[in-house]
Amino acid sequence: MLRPVGLGICQLDSNLRASAVVGIVGAGGLGMILQGAIDTFNWPEVSMVLLTILALVVFGEGVSSYLRKKIL
């Protein structure tokens, strides 16, 4: 029953990482914000975007781990 939830969290994590990478090459997403901050040497914003991406990935991993333990 929780298998679709785990797959959804995995897909969300994948989409988050992909949006950062795709945005850097000019297609929008979180990477676009990151690239704009890098281009203007706005290092506090760069740090905040990177920390936000990291926090969301770690949160997704934690939720996924918790759900896997509950299933097994």
N, C-alpha and C. Protein backbone atom coordinates (compact mmCIF):
# COMPACT_ATOMS: atom_id res chain seq x y z
N MET A 1 0.82 -1.20 0.00
CA MET A 1 0.00 0.00 0.00
C MET A 1 0.86 1.26 0.00
N LEU A 2 1.97 1.28 0.75
CA LEU A 2 2.80 2.47 0.80
C LEU A 2 3.82 2.53 -0.33
N ARG A 3 3.87 1.48 -1.15
CA ARG A 3 4.82 1.48 -2.26
C ARG A 3 4.64 2.70 -3.16
N PRO A 4 3.42 3.08 -3.56
CA PRO A 4 3.27 4.29 -4.38
C PRO A 4 3.76 5.55 -3.68
N VAL A 5 3.66 5.60 -2.36
CA VAL A 5 4.15 6.76 -1.62
C VAL A 5 5.67 6.84 -1.73
N GLY A 6 6.35 5.71 -1.56
CA GLY A 6 7.80 5.68 -1.69
C GLY A 6 8.25 6.06 -3.09
N LEU A 7 7.54 5.57 -4.09
CA LEU A 7 7.87 5.92 -5.47
C LEU A 7 7.63 7.41 -5.73
N GLY A 8 6.58 7.94 -5.13
CA GLY A 8 6.30 9.37 -5.29
C GLY A 8 7.38 10.23 -4.67
N ILE A 9 7.85 9.84 -3.49
CA ILE A 9 8.92 10.59 -2.84
C ILE A 9 10.20 10.50 -3.66
N CYS A 10 10.49 9.32 -4.19
CA CYS A 10 11.68 9.15 -5.03
C CYS A 10 11.58 10.03 -6.28
N GLN A 11 10.41 10.08 -6.88
CA GLN A 11 10.22 10.90 -8.08
C GLN A 11 10.34 12.39 -7.75
N LEU A 12 9.81 12.80 -6.61
CA LEU A 12 9.94 14.19 -6.18
C LEU A 12 11.41 14.57 -6.00
N ASP A 13 12.16 13.68 -5.36
CA ASP A 13 13.60 13.90 -5.17
C ASP A 13 14.31 14.00 -6.51
N SER A 14 13.97 13.12 -7.41
CA SER A 14 14.58 13.13 -8.75
C SER A 14 14.24 14.42 -9.50
N ASN A 15 13.00 14.84 -9.41
CA ASN A 15 12.58 16.08 -10.08
C ASN A 15 13.29 17.30 -9.50
N LEU A 16 13.48 17.32 -8.19
CA LEU A 16 14.18 18.43 -7.55
C LEU A 16 15.61 18.54 -8.06
N ARG A 17 16.30 17.41 -8.09
CA ARG A 17 17.69 17.41 -8.57
C ARG A 17 17.75 17.78 -10.04
N ALA A 18 16.83 17.25 -10.82
CA ALA A 18 16.82 17.54 -12.26
C ALA A 18 16.53 19.02 -12.53
N SER A 19 15.64 19.62 -11.74
CA SER A 19 15.32 21.03 -11.97
C SER A 19 16.52 21.92 -11.70
N ALA A 20 17.37 21.51 -10.76
CA ALA A 20 18.58 22.29 -10.48
C ALA A 20 19.55 22.18 -11.64
N VAL A 21 19.73 20.98 -12.17
CA VAL A 21 20.68 20.76 -13.26
C VAL A 21 20.18 21.38 -14.56
N VAL A 22 18.92 21.16 -14.87
CA VAL A 22 18.35 21.67 -16.13
C VAL A 22 18.32 23.20 -16.12
N GLY A 23 18.06 23.80 -14.99
CA GLY A 23 18.02 25.26 -14.91
C GLY A 23 19.37 25.90 -15.16
N ILE A 24 20.42 25.23 -14.77
CA ILE A 24 21.76 25.80 -14.98
C ILE A 24 22.07 25.91 -16.47
N VAL A 25 21.54 24.99 -17.27
CA VAL A 25 21.79 25.05 -18.72
C VAL A 25 20.77 25.93 -19.43
N GLY A 26 19.87 26.56 -18.70
CA GLY A 26 18.99 27.56 -19.30
C GLY A 26 17.55 27.17 -19.53
N ALA A 27 17.07 26.12 -18.90
CA ALA A 27 15.69 25.69 -19.16
C ALA A 27 14.73 26.00 -18.02
N GLY A 28 15.14 26.78 -17.05
CA GLY A 28 14.25 27.13 -15.95
C GLY A 28 14.45 26.25 -14.74
N GLY A 29 13.58 26.37 -13.77
CA GLY A 29 13.69 25.57 -12.56
C GLY A 29 14.58 26.24 -11.52
N LEU A 30 14.91 25.46 -10.50
CA LEU A 30 15.75 25.99 -9.42
C LEU A 30 17.13 26.40 -9.90
N GLY A 31 17.63 25.70 -10.89
CA GLY A 31 18.95 26.01 -11.42
C GLY A 31 19.02 27.39 -12.04
N MET A 32 17.90 27.86 -12.56
CA MET A 32 17.87 29.20 -13.16
C MET A 32 18.10 30.26 -12.08
N ILE A 33 17.48 30.07 -10.94
CA ILE A 33 17.69 30.98 -9.82
C ILE A 33 19.14 30.90 -9.35
N LEU A 34 19.64 29.67 -9.26
CA LEU A 34 21.02 29.46 -8.84
C LEU A 34 22.00 30.10 -9.82
N GLN A 35 21.78 29.90 -11.10
CA GLN A 35 22.69 30.46 -12.11
C GLN A 35 22.64 31.99 -12.10
N GLY A 36 21.45 32.57 -11.92
CA GLY A 36 21.34 34.02 -11.84
C GLY A 36 22.10 34.59 -10.66
N ALA A 37 22.04 33.90 -9.53
CA ALA A 37 22.76 34.35 -8.34
C ALA A 37 24.27 34.22 -8.55
N ILE A 38 24.69 33.15 -9.21
CA ILE A 38 26.13 32.98 -9.48
C ILE A 38 26.61 34.06 -10.44
N ASP A 39 25.83 34.35 -11.47
CA ASP A 39 26.23 35.35 -12.47
C ASP A 39 26.39 36.74 -11.86
N THR A 40 25.59 37.05 -10.84
CA THR A 40 25.67 38.38 -10.21
C THR A 40 26.54 38.37 -8.95
N PHE A 41 27.23 37.27 -8.72
CA PHE A 41 28.11 37.13 -7.55
C PHE A 41 27.36 37.38 -6.24
N ASN A 42 26.11 36.97 -6.20
CA ASN A 42 25.30 37.11 -5.00
C ASN A 42 25.46 35.84 -4.16
N TRP A 43 26.59 35.73 -3.47
CA TRP A 43 26.95 34.50 -2.78
C TRP A 43 25.99 34.13 -1.65
N PRO A 44 25.42 35.09 -0.92
CA PRO A 44 24.44 34.68 0.09
C PRO A 44 23.22 33.97 -0.54
N GLU A 45 22.78 34.46 -1.69
CA GLU A 45 21.65 33.81 -2.36
C GLU A 45 22.04 32.44 -2.90
N VAL A 46 23.26 32.33 -3.44
CA VAL A 46 23.76 31.03 -3.91
C VAL A 46 23.76 30.03 -2.76
N SER A 47 24.26 30.46 -1.63
CA SER A 47 24.31 29.58 -0.45
C SER A 47 22.90 29.16 -0.04
N MET A 48 21.98 30.11 -0.05
CA MET A 48 20.62 29.79 0.37
C MET A 48 19.95 28.81 -0.58
N VAL A 49 20.13 29.00 -1.88
CA VAL A 49 19.54 28.08 -2.86
C VAL A 49 20.14 26.68 -2.69
N LEU A 50 21.46 26.60 -2.55
CA LEU A 50 22.10 25.29 -2.38
C LEU A 50 21.67 24.62 -1.08
N LEU A 51 21.57 25.40 -0.01
CA LEU A 51 21.11 24.83 1.26
C LEU A 51 19.66 24.37 1.18
N THR A 52 18.84 25.10 0.45
CA THR A 52 17.44 24.71 0.27
C THR A 52 17.34 23.41 -0.51
N ILE A 53 18.10 23.30 -1.59
CA ILE A 53 18.11 22.06 -2.37
C ILE A 53 18.58 20.90 -1.49
N LEU A 54 19.66 21.12 -0.76
CA LEU A 54 20.19 20.08 0.12
C LEU A 54 19.17 19.68 1.18
N ALA A 55 18.53 20.65 1.79
CA ALA A 55 17.54 20.36 2.84
C ALA A 55 16.37 19.57 2.28
N LEU A 56 15.90 19.93 1.10
CA LEU A 56 14.78 19.19 0.50
C LEU A 56 15.17 17.76 0.14
N VAL A 57 16.37 17.57 -0.35
CA VAL A 57 16.84 16.22 -0.68
C VAL A 57 16.98 15.38 0.59
N VAL A 58 17.59 15.95 1.62
CA VAL A 58 17.77 15.22 2.88
C VAL A 58 16.41 14.91 3.50
N PHE A 59 15.49 15.84 3.46
CA PHE A 59 14.14 15.61 3.99
C PHE A 59 13.45 14.47 3.24
N GLY A 60 13.55 14.49 1.91
CA GLY A 60 12.95 13.42 1.11
C GLY A 60 13.56 12.07 1.42
N GLU A 61 14.88 12.04 1.61
CA GLU A 61 15.55 10.78 1.96
C GLU A 61 15.10 10.30 3.34
N GLY A 62 14.94 11.22 4.27
CA GLY A 62 14.49 10.84 5.61
C GLY A 62 13.08 10.28 5.61
N VAL A 63 12.19 10.92 4.89
CA VAL A 63 10.81 10.43 4.80
C VAL A 63 10.78 9.07 4.11
N SER A 64 11.54 8.92 3.05
CA SER A 64 11.61 7.66 2.32
C SER A 64 12.15 6.55 3.24
N SER A 65 13.19 6.83 3.98
CA SER A 65 13.77 5.85 4.91
C SER A 65 12.77 5.46 5.98
N TYR A 66 12.09 6.44 6.53
CA TYR A 66 11.08 6.17 7.55
C TYR A 66 9.98 5.28 7.02
N LEU A 67 9.49 5.58 5.83
CA LEU A 67 8.41 4.79 5.25
C LEU A 67 8.87 3.37 4.92
N ARG A 68 10.12 3.21 4.47
CA ARG A 68 10.64 1.88 4.17
C ARG A 68 10.71 1.05 5.45
N LYS A 69 11.13 1.65 6.56
CA LYS A 69 11.19 0.93 7.83
C LYS A 69 9.80 0.52 8.30
N LYS A 70 8.82 1.39 8.08
CA LYS A 70 7.44 1.07 8.48
C LYS A 70 6.87 -0.07 7.64
N ILE A 71 7.24 -0.12 6.37
CA ILE A 71 6.72 -1.16 5.48
C ILE A 71 7.33 -2.52 5.86
N LEU A 72 8.63 -2.52 6.12
CA LEU A 72 9.32 -3.77 6.41
C LEU A 72 9.21 -4.02 7.88
